Amino acid sequence: MGVVTSEIFEYAVKIRRELHMHPEVGFELYKTCELVKRELKSMGIPFTERFGKCSVVGYIGDNPKRKTLALRADMDALPIQEKTNLPYASTCEGKMHACAHDAHTANLLATAKILKARENELSCNIRLIFQPSEEGEISGAKMMVDNGVMDGADRVIGIHSENTLDAGTIAVRPSEYMAACIPINLRFFGKSAHATLANTGVDAIAMSVEAYLKLKGMVAEEAGETTPYIWSVGSFKGGQVHNAIADFCESKISFRFYDEGFALRVMKRAEEICNSIAEKFGGKAEVDWHISARAVINDEETVEMLRSAIEKEVPVKEDFKRMGSEDFCWYLTKASGAFFRFGTKNPASDKVTRPHNNDFVIDESGIRAATTAFVLFALQYGK
């Protein structure tokens, strides 16, 4: 992989480990942004923070006659306690880079270093997007897009590590690639009472349990046998003590899908079902939801451009349609583009753990393929 020298690769690993030791969550990425700004300054790359809280955007080239290629990295970690025993493990209690966004950020900085040094070879302008809150219910990508980060951009690419893909390889898929996501906060409000006088209260847990069962059945009915979806209840909390009827119960649901018409029908029925249950019990229901990510639909032309640019240097595999979600979708509402994966799997060194686990580790050699893909695509774009 000739475009990524040993020096550049070592730089990427160093940056990745520094980020890994100091993970930050959501939109609270102050140290992370300081690191990104420090590195961009050292490269002589101008940047702005005007596209939203804890976001950084760097620029290589500003020729208005040229097309602009946006390259994106997400920077946020997860609220997970790390248990890897790595020498560079998280030093922040309850926070961990358990989804390799540290590697994504390191990759984009390594890409920036190469492209800045080869700026005279570029036929396009480069926009380096460092984004907060990919993991949160509120999308950092949507915030940046709403604030104009994609104005004037002609194409965008993004990347994610993959611990089921061998290190040194790239996987990509044209068309439908990742599902849309609706996070749902379902709240029932009742009336507290002594456990022995349940008839004088309104049981919020009972309402929530009935909703849990009816909603799962309703979604399955709407989907039938052909519509792919995920309806996963990740949190169910109500009450404080054993001898009192709970006056509040909340559940958190992750709803994934490709068909937005199907999803909107489901949400309409969900609201009707919950309100009906609340009315029957004499309580109140709130169904709080929004589309945090639309489906990622990769542009077929961009996928072919990527294959053509990198396949002589990096093995490229066909990926599969996934039910996971990615807020990269918001960039695709403004420009053609593609999202793809770089392998970080290495069974020989036990680097096979799936993301969002507290023992998640990656084979860092995979970053070399990611950087190669970004650089080669950028060098070819606009010619």
Protein backbone atom coordinates (compact mmCIF):
# COMPACT_ATOMS: atom_id res chain seq x y z
CA MET A 1 0.00 0.00 0.00
CA GLY A 2 2.40 2.58 -1.31
CA VAL A 3 0.52 5.79 -0.47
CA VAL A 4 0.65 5.05 3.27
CA THR A 5 4.25 5.01 4.41
CA SER A 6 5.40 3.40 7.67
CA GLU A 7 5.77 6.89 9.11
CA ILE A 8 2.17 7.81 8.27
CA PHE A 9 0.84 4.50 9.58
CA GLU A 10 2.74 4.92 12.85
CA TYR A 11 1.31 8.44 13.09
CA ALA A 12 -2.24 7.08 12.69
CA VAL A 13 -1.69 4.45 15.38
CA LYS A 14 -0.21 7.03 17.76
CA ILE A 15 -3.18 9.36 17.26
CA ARG A 16 -5.66 6.52 17.60
CA ARG A 17 -4.15 5.41 20.92
CA GLU A 18 -4.11 8.93 22.29
CA LEU A 19 -7.80 9.25 21.45
CA HIS A 20 -8.51 5.81 22.87
CA MET A 21 -7.07 6.80 26.25
CA HIS A 22 -9.27 9.92 26.44
CA PRO A 23 -12.73 8.99 25.11
CA GLU A 24 -15.56 11.51 25.17
CA VAL A 25 -19.27 11.01 24.53
CA GLY A 26 -21.96 12.72 22.46
CA PHE A 27 -21.43 16.44 21.92
CA GLU A 28 -18.98 16.80 24.84
CA LEU A 29 -15.83 16.24 22.78
CA TYR A 30 -13.66 19.09 24.01
CA LYS A 31 -10.32 17.26 24.36
CA THR A 32 -10.96 15.32 21.15
CA CYS A 33 -11.58 18.53 19.20
CA GLU A 34 -8.47 20.12 20.69
CA LEU A 35 -6.42 17.17 19.43
CA VAL A 36 -7.93 17.42 15.94
CA LYS A 37 -7.32 21.18 15.81
CA ARG A 38 -3.76 20.71 17.10
CA GLU A 39 -3.00 18.25 14.32
CA LEU A 40 -4.63 20.31 11.55
CA LYS A 41 -2.66 23.35 12.68
CA SER A 42 0.57 21.37 12.56
CA MET A 43 -0.24 20.39 8.96
CA GLY A 44 -1.04 23.95 7.92
CA ILE A 45 -4.68 23.06 7.20
CA PRO A 46 -7.23 25.81 7.91
CA PHE A 47 -10.34 24.76 9.81
CA THR A 48 -13.60 26.03 11.28
CA GLU A 49 -15.83 25.09 14.20
CA ARG A 50 -18.88 26.95 12.88
CA PHE A 51 -20.97 23.91 11.91
CA GLY A 52 -22.05 23.02 15.44
CA LYS A 53 -20.95 22.08 18.93
CA CYS A 54 -17.72 20.08 19.10
CA SER A 55 -17.37 19.78 15.33
CA VAL A 56 -14.27 20.60 13.28
CA VAL A 57 -14.04 20.98 9.50
CA GLY A 58 -10.72 21.34 7.68
CA TYR A 59 -10.09 22.49 4.12
CA ILE A 60 -7.47 21.50 1.54
CA GLY A 61 -7.83 23.65 -1.57
CA ASP A 62 -10.36 26.39 -2.29
CA ASN A 63 -10.55 26.54 -6.08
CA PRO A 64 -14.16 27.47 -6.97
CA LYS A 65 -13.72 25.91 -10.43
CA ARG A 66 -13.05 22.49 -8.95
CA LYS A 67 -15.42 19.94 -7.45
CA THR A 68 -15.38 19.42 -3.69
CA LEU A 69 -15.03 16.03 -2.04
CA ALA A 70 -16.10 15.68 1.60
CA LEU A 71 -14.42 13.03 3.78
CA ARG A 72 -16.12 12.26 7.09
CA ALA A 73 -15.02 10.79 10.44
CA ASP A 74 -17.12 10.46 13.59
CA MET A 75 -15.28 11.16 16.85
CA ASP A 76 -17.51 10.15 19.80
CA ALA A 77 -17.08 7.22 22.17
CA LEU A 78 -19.64 5.25 24.18
CA PRO A 79 -20.73 5.25 27.85
CA ILE A 80 -19.13 1.84 28.47
CA GLN A 81 -16.57 0.80 31.08
CA GLU A 82 -13.54 -0.59 29.24
CA LYS A 83 -12.24 -4.05 30.18
CA THR A 84 -9.47 -4.72 27.67
CA ASN A 85 -6.36 -4.31 29.85
CA LEU A 86 -4.66 -2.57 26.93
CA PRO A 87 -1.67 -0.39 27.84
CA TYR A 88 -3.56 2.49 26.22
CA ALA A 89 -6.98 1.64 27.68
CA SER A 90 -9.47 4.37 28.56
CA THR A 91 -8.49 6.59 31.46
CA CYS A 92 -12.03 7.98 31.69
CA GLU A 93 -14.37 6.14 34.05
CA GLY A 94 -17.42 4.76 32.25
CA LYS A 95 -16.32 5.84 28.76
CA MET A 96 -14.73 3.80 25.99
CA HIS A 97 -14.03 3.88 22.27
CA ALA A 98 -15.95 0.64 21.77
CA CYS A 99 -16.88 1.33 18.14
CA ALA A 100 -13.50 2.43 16.73
CA HIS A 101 -14.38 6.06 16.15
CA ASP A 102 -10.88 6.73 17.47
CA ALA A 103 -9.57 4.81 14.44
CA HIS A 104 -11.92 6.74 12.14
CA THR A 105 -10.58 10.06 13.41
CA ALA A 106 -6.97 8.87 13.21
CA ASN A 107 -7.61 7.67 9.66
CA LEU A 108 -8.94 11.05 8.54
CA LEU A 109 -6.03 12.90 10.13
CA ALA A 110 -3.56 10.54 8.42
CA THR A 111 -5.44 11.10 5.15
CA ALA A 112 -5.24 14.86 5.68
CA LYS A 113 -1.48 14.67 6.26
CA ILE A 114 -0.95 12.78 2.99
CA LEU A 115 -3.30 14.92 0.91
CA LYS A 116 -1.88 18.18 2.21
CA ALA A 117 1.63 17.02 1.26
CA ARG A 118 0.33 16.08 -2.20
CA GLU A 119 -2.00 19.04 -2.64
CA ASN A 120 -0.50 19.91 -6.04
CA GLU A 121 -1.66 16.51 -7.34
CA LEU A 122 -5.30 17.04 -6.37
CA SER A 123 -7.95 17.85 -8.97
CA CYS A 124 -10.58 18.67 -6.35
CA ASN A 125 -11.04 20.56 -3.12
CA ILE A 126 -11.07 18.44 0.05
CA ARG A 127 -13.41 19.04 3.00
CA LEU A 128 -12.43 17.14 6.17
CA ILE A 129 -15.48 16.60 8.39
CA PHE A 130 -14.86 15.64 12.03
CA GLN A 131 -18.28 14.96 13.54
CA PRO A 132 -19.62 14.58 17.09
CA SER A 133 -22.50 12.39 18.33
CA GLU A 134 -22.90 9.59 15.83
CA GLU A 135 -23.89 7.26 18.68
CA GLY A 136 -26.36 9.59 20.40
CA GLU A 137 -30.10 9.91 19.94
CA ILE A 138 -29.44 13.41 18.57
CA SER A 139 -27.40 13.18 15.36
CA GLY A 140 -24.23 15.20 15.03
CA ALA A 141 -24.33 14.65 11.27
CA LYS A 142 -27.80 16.17 11.00
CA MET A 143 -26.70 19.15 13.09
CA MET A 144 -23.73 19.78 10.80
CA VAL A 145 -25.77 19.30 7.62
CA ASP A 146 -28.50 21.62 8.91
CA ASN A 147 -25.75 24.18 9.61
CA GLY A 148 -24.51 23.99 6.02
CA VAL A 149 -21.47 21.70 6.18
CA MET A 150 -22.38 20.14 2.81
CA ASP A 151 -23.05 23.40 1.00
CA GLY A 152 -21.00 23.32 -2.20
CA ALA A 153 -19.87 19.70 -1.70
CA ASP A 154 -20.29 17.46 -4.75
CA ARG A 155 -19.58 14.04 -3.25
CA VAL A 156 -19.00 12.51 0.18
CA ILE A 157 -17.47 9.28 1.47
CA GLY A 158 -17.34 7.78 4.95
CA ILE A 159 -15.93 4.65 6.50
CA HIS A 160 -16.34 2.32 9.48
CA SER A 161 -14.18 -0.39 11.03
CA GLU A 162 -15.44 -3.98 10.83
CA ASN A 163 -14.28 -6.79 13.11
CA THR A 164 -15.86 -9.49 10.94
CA LEU A 165 -13.73 -8.39 7.96
CA ASP A 166 -10.06 -9.31 7.71
CA ALA A 167 -7.63 -6.47 8.35
CA GLY A 168 -6.29 -5.07 5.09
CA THR A 169 -9.54 -5.41 3.14
CA ILE A 170 -12.38 -3.06 2.20
CA ALA A 171 -16.07 -3.98 1.86
CA VAL A 172 -18.66 -1.90 0.03
CA ARG A 173 -22.18 -2.33 -1.35
CA PRO A 174 -24.13 -0.24 -3.87
CA SER A 175 -27.70 0.88 -3.21
CA GLU A 176 -29.44 -0.10 0.06
CA TYR A 177 -26.78 -0.58 2.72
CA MET A 178 -27.86 0.42 6.25
CA ALA A 179 -31.26 0.77 7.88
CA ALA A 180 -33.03 3.87 9.14
CA CYS A 181 -33.52 4.29 12.89
CA ILE A 182 -36.21 5.69 15.13
CA PRO A 183 -35.34 5.83 18.85
CA ILE A 184 -38.57 5.74 20.87
CA ASN A 185 -39.07 6.87 24.46
CA LEU A 186 -42.39 5.44 25.65
CA ARG A 187 -43.65 6.87 28.95
CA PHE A 188 -46.73 5.95 30.99
CA PHE A 189 -47.92 8.15 33.85
CA GLY A 190 -50.17 6.68 36.52
CA LYS A 191 -50.99 7.32 40.20
CA SER A 192 -49.09 5.90 43.14
CA ALA A 193 -50.81 3.90 45.85
CA HIS A 194 -50.00 1.37 48.56
CA ALA A 195 -49.44 -2.13 47.17
CA THR A 196 -52.38 -3.42 49.22
CA LEU A 197 -54.65 -0.69 47.81
CA ALA A 198 -53.80 -1.08 44.13
CA ASN A 199 -57.36 -0.23 43.11
CA THR A 200 -56.84 3.33 44.39
CA GLY A 201 -53.87 3.93 42.11
CA VAL A 202 -53.06 3.73 38.41
CA ASP A 203 -50.33 1.19 37.67
CA ALA A 204 -47.82 2.62 35.18
CA ILE A 205 -45.90 -0.68 34.99
CA ALA A 206 -49.07 -2.57 34.07
CA MET A 207 -49.74 -0.09 31.27
CA SER A 208 -46.17 -0.47 30.01
CA VAL A 209 -46.30 -4.26 30.07
CA GLU A 210 -49.52 -4.31 28.06
CA ALA A 211 -47.99 -1.86 25.58
CA TYR A 212 -44.82 -3.95 25.32
CA LEU A 213 -46.81 -7.00 24.22
CA LYS A 214 -49.31 -5.24 21.96
CA LEU A 215 -46.68 -3.15 20.19
CA LYS A 216 -44.47 -6.12 19.33
CA GLY A 217 -47.48 -7.90 17.85
CA MET A 218 -48.59 -4.82 15.93
CA VAL A 219 -45.19 -4.27 14.31
CA ALA A 220 -45.00 -7.91 13.22
CA GLU A 221 -48.48 -7.62 11.74
CA GLU A 222 -47.61 -4.46 9.80
CA ALA A 223 -44.36 -5.97 8.51
CA GLY A 224 -45.81 -9.26 7.31
CA GLU A 225 -43.33 -11.79 6.00
CA THR A 226 -41.33 -9.57 3.64
CA THR A 227 -40.61 -6.23 5.32
CA PRO A 228 -37.29 -6.25 7.23
CA TYR A 229 -37.25 -4.47 10.59
CA ILE A 230 -35.85 -4.51 14.12
CA TRP A 231 -37.99 -3.63 17.16
CA SER A 232 -35.79 -3.93 20.21
CA VAL A 233 -36.70 -2.83 23.75
CA GLY A 234 -33.40 -1.90 25.34
CA SER A 235 -34.63 -0.35 28.60
CA PHE A 236 -37.71 -0.86 30.79
CA LYS A 237 -37.84 1.05 34.08
CA GLY A 238 -40.60 1.79 36.55
CA GLY A 239 -41.21 2.06 40.27
CA GLN A 240 -38.92 2.43 43.27
CA VAL A 241 -40.06 0.01 45.98
CA HIS A 242 -41.93 -3.30 46.36
CA ASN A 243 -44.85 -1.94 48.35
CA ALA A 244 -46.06 0.93 46.21
CA ILE A 245 -47.82 1.07 42.85
CA ALA A 246 -45.56 2.81 40.31
CA ASP A 247 -46.82 6.12 39.00
CA PHE A 248 -44.28 6.20 36.14
CA CYS A 249 -42.72 3.70 33.76
CA GLU A 250 -40.51 4.35 30.75
CA SER A 251 -39.23 2.04 28.03
CA LYS A 252 -36.69 2.83 25.32
CA ILE A 253 -37.09 1.15 21.95
CA SER A 254 -34.83 0.98 18.91
CA PHE A 255 -36.84 0.68 15.69
CA ARG A 256 -34.84 -0.07 12.50
CA PHE A 257 -36.24 -0.28 8.98
CA TYR A 258 -35.76 0.59 5.29
CA ASP A 259 -39.35 1.42 4.29
CA GLU A 260 -40.30 4.83 5.74
CA GLY A 261 -43.96 4.39 4.77
CA PHE A 262 -44.07 1.20 6.86
CA ALA A 263 -42.34 3.00 9.76
CA LEU A 264 -44.77 5.92 9.76
CA ARG A 265 -47.74 3.51 9.79
CA VAL A 266 -46.19 1.70 12.74
CA MET A 267 -45.64 4.91 14.69
CA LYS A 268 -49.20 6.11 14.06
CA ARG A 269 -50.58 2.81 15.35
CA ALA A 270 -48.13 2.83 18.29
CA GLU A 271 -49.46 6.18 19.44
CA GLU A 272 -53.07 4.99 19.08
CA ILE A 273 -52.37 1.78 21.04
CA CYS A 274 -50.56 3.56 23.87
CA ASN A 275 -53.22 6.25 24.22
CA SER A 276 -55.93 3.58 24.26
CA ILE A 277 -54.15 1.65 27.02
CA ALA A 278 -53.65 4.81 29.08
CA GLU A 279 -57.32 5.75 28.69
CA LYS A 280 -58.41 2.28 29.80
CA PHE A 281 -56.30 2.48 32.98
CA GLY A 282 -57.03 6.14 33.68
CA GLY A 283 -53.44 7.23 33.09
CA LYS A 284 -51.52 9.12 30.45
CA ALA A 285 -49.14 8.05 27.68
CA GLU A 286 -46.33 9.89 25.87
CA VAL A 287 -44.71 8.45 22.74
CA ASP A 288 -41.60 10.52 22.05
CA TRP A 289 -39.88 9.64 18.77
CA HIS A 290 -37.95 11.03 15.82
CA ILE A 291 -36.01 9.68 12.84
CA SER A 292 -32.39 9.84 14.02
CA ALA A 293 -31.06 8.24 10.84
CA ARG A 294 -32.52 7.58 7.44
CA ALA A 295 -31.45 4.55 5.42
CA VAL A 296 -27.97 4.74 3.93
CA ILE A 297 -28.39 4.30 0.18
CA ASN A 298 -24.98 4.18 -1.47
CA ASP A 299 -24.67 5.89 -4.83
CA GLU A 300 -23.79 3.22 -7.41
CA GLU A 301 -21.51 5.52 -9.42
CA THR A 302 -19.54 6.44 -6.28
CA VAL A 303 -19.14 2.76 -5.37
CA GLU A 304 -17.75 2.01 -8.83
CA MET A 305 -15.42 5.01 -8.61
CA LEU A 306 -14.16 3.68 -5.28
CA ARG A 307 -13.58 0.18 -6.62
CA SER A 308 -11.74 1.52 -9.63
CA ALA A 309 -9.53 3.81 -7.52
CA ILE A 310 -8.43 1.27 -4.91
CA GLU A 311 -8.80 -2.32 -6.13
CA LYS A 312 -5.21 -2.56 -7.44
CA GLU A 313 -3.87 -1.74 -3.97
CA VAL A 314 -6.56 -2.97 -1.56
CA PRO A 315 -8.74 -6.10 -1.81
CA VAL A 316 -12.38 -5.00 -2.21
CA LYS A 317 -15.25 -7.29 -1.20
CA GLU A 318 -19.01 -7.02 -1.70
CA ASP A 319 -20.69 -6.20 1.61
CA PHE A 320 -24.21 -7.20 2.67
CA LYS A 321 -27.36 -5.25 3.49
CA ARG A 322 -27.39 -4.42 7.21
CA MET A 323 -30.00 -3.58 9.84
CA GLY A 324 -27.60 -1.33 11.74
CA SER A 325 -27.95 2.43 11.28
CA GLU A 326 -25.57 5.29 10.53
CA ASP A 327 -26.17 9.03 10.60
CA PHE A 328 -23.90 9.32 7.55
CA CYS A 329 -27.28 9.19 5.78
CA TRP A 330 -27.75 12.93 6.41
CA TYR A 331 -24.73 13.82 4.25
CA LEU A 332 -26.25 11.76 1.45
CA THR A 333 -29.33 13.99 1.46
CA LYS A 334 -27.10 16.76 0.07
CA ALA A 335 -24.65 14.97 -2.25
CA SER A 336 -23.93 11.64 -3.90
CA GLY A 337 -21.65 9.39 -1.91
CA ALA A 338 -20.87 6.06 -0.36
CA PHE A 339 -20.24 4.53 3.04
CA PHE A 340 -17.96 1.51 3.28
CA ARG A 341 -16.01 -0.62 5.75
CA PHE A 342 -12.38 -1.42 6.48
CA GLY A 343 -11.41 -4.72 8.08
CA THR A 344 -9.94 -4.81 11.60
CA LYS A 345 -10.35 -8.54 12.27
CA ASN A 346 -7.40 -10.74 13.23
CA PRO A 347 -8.31 -14.10 14.81
CA ALA A 348 -4.64 -14.92 15.45
CA SER A 349 -4.46 -12.10 18.01
CA ASP A 350 -8.07 -12.51 19.20
CA LYS A 351 -9.23 -9.28 17.57
CA VAL A 352 -12.71 -10.48 16.71
CA THR A 353 -14.92 -8.83 19.35
CA ARG A 354 -17.99 -7.09 18.00
CA PRO A 355 -18.46 -3.35 18.62
CA HIS A 356 -20.21 -1.89 21.68
CA ASN A 357 -18.68 -4.57 23.91
CA ASN A 358 -16.42 -3.63 26.84
CA ASP A 359 -13.62 -5.89 25.54
CA PHE A 360 -13.70 -4.53 21.98
CA VAL A 361 -10.27 -4.42 20.32
CA ILE A 362 -9.19 -3.96 16.70
CA ASP A 363 -6.23 -4.88 14.54
CA GLU A 364 -4.80 -1.42 13.95
CA SER A 365 -3.11 -2.55 10.73
CA GLY A 366 -6.55 -2.21 9.14
CA ILE A 367 -6.24 1.57 9.35
CA ARG A 368 -3.67 1.39 6.55
CA ALA A 369 -6.33 0.12 4.11
CA ALA A 370 -8.80 2.80 5.25
CA THR A 371 -6.29 5.59 4.67
CA THR A 372 -5.24 4.12 1.33
CA ALA A 373 -8.88 4.06 0.20
CA PHE A 374 -9.51 7.68 1.20
CA VAL A 375 -6.29 8.95 -0.37
CA LEU A 376 -6.62 7.08 -3.67
CA PHE A 377 -10.25 8.11 -4.06
CA ALA A 378 -9.33 11.75 -3.40
CA LEU A 379 -6.40 11.67 -5.85
CA GLN A 380 -8.67 10.30 -8.60
CA TYR A 381 -11.71 12.48 -7.92
CA GLY A 382 -12.22 15.41 -10.26
CA LYS A 383 -9.90 14.16 -12.99
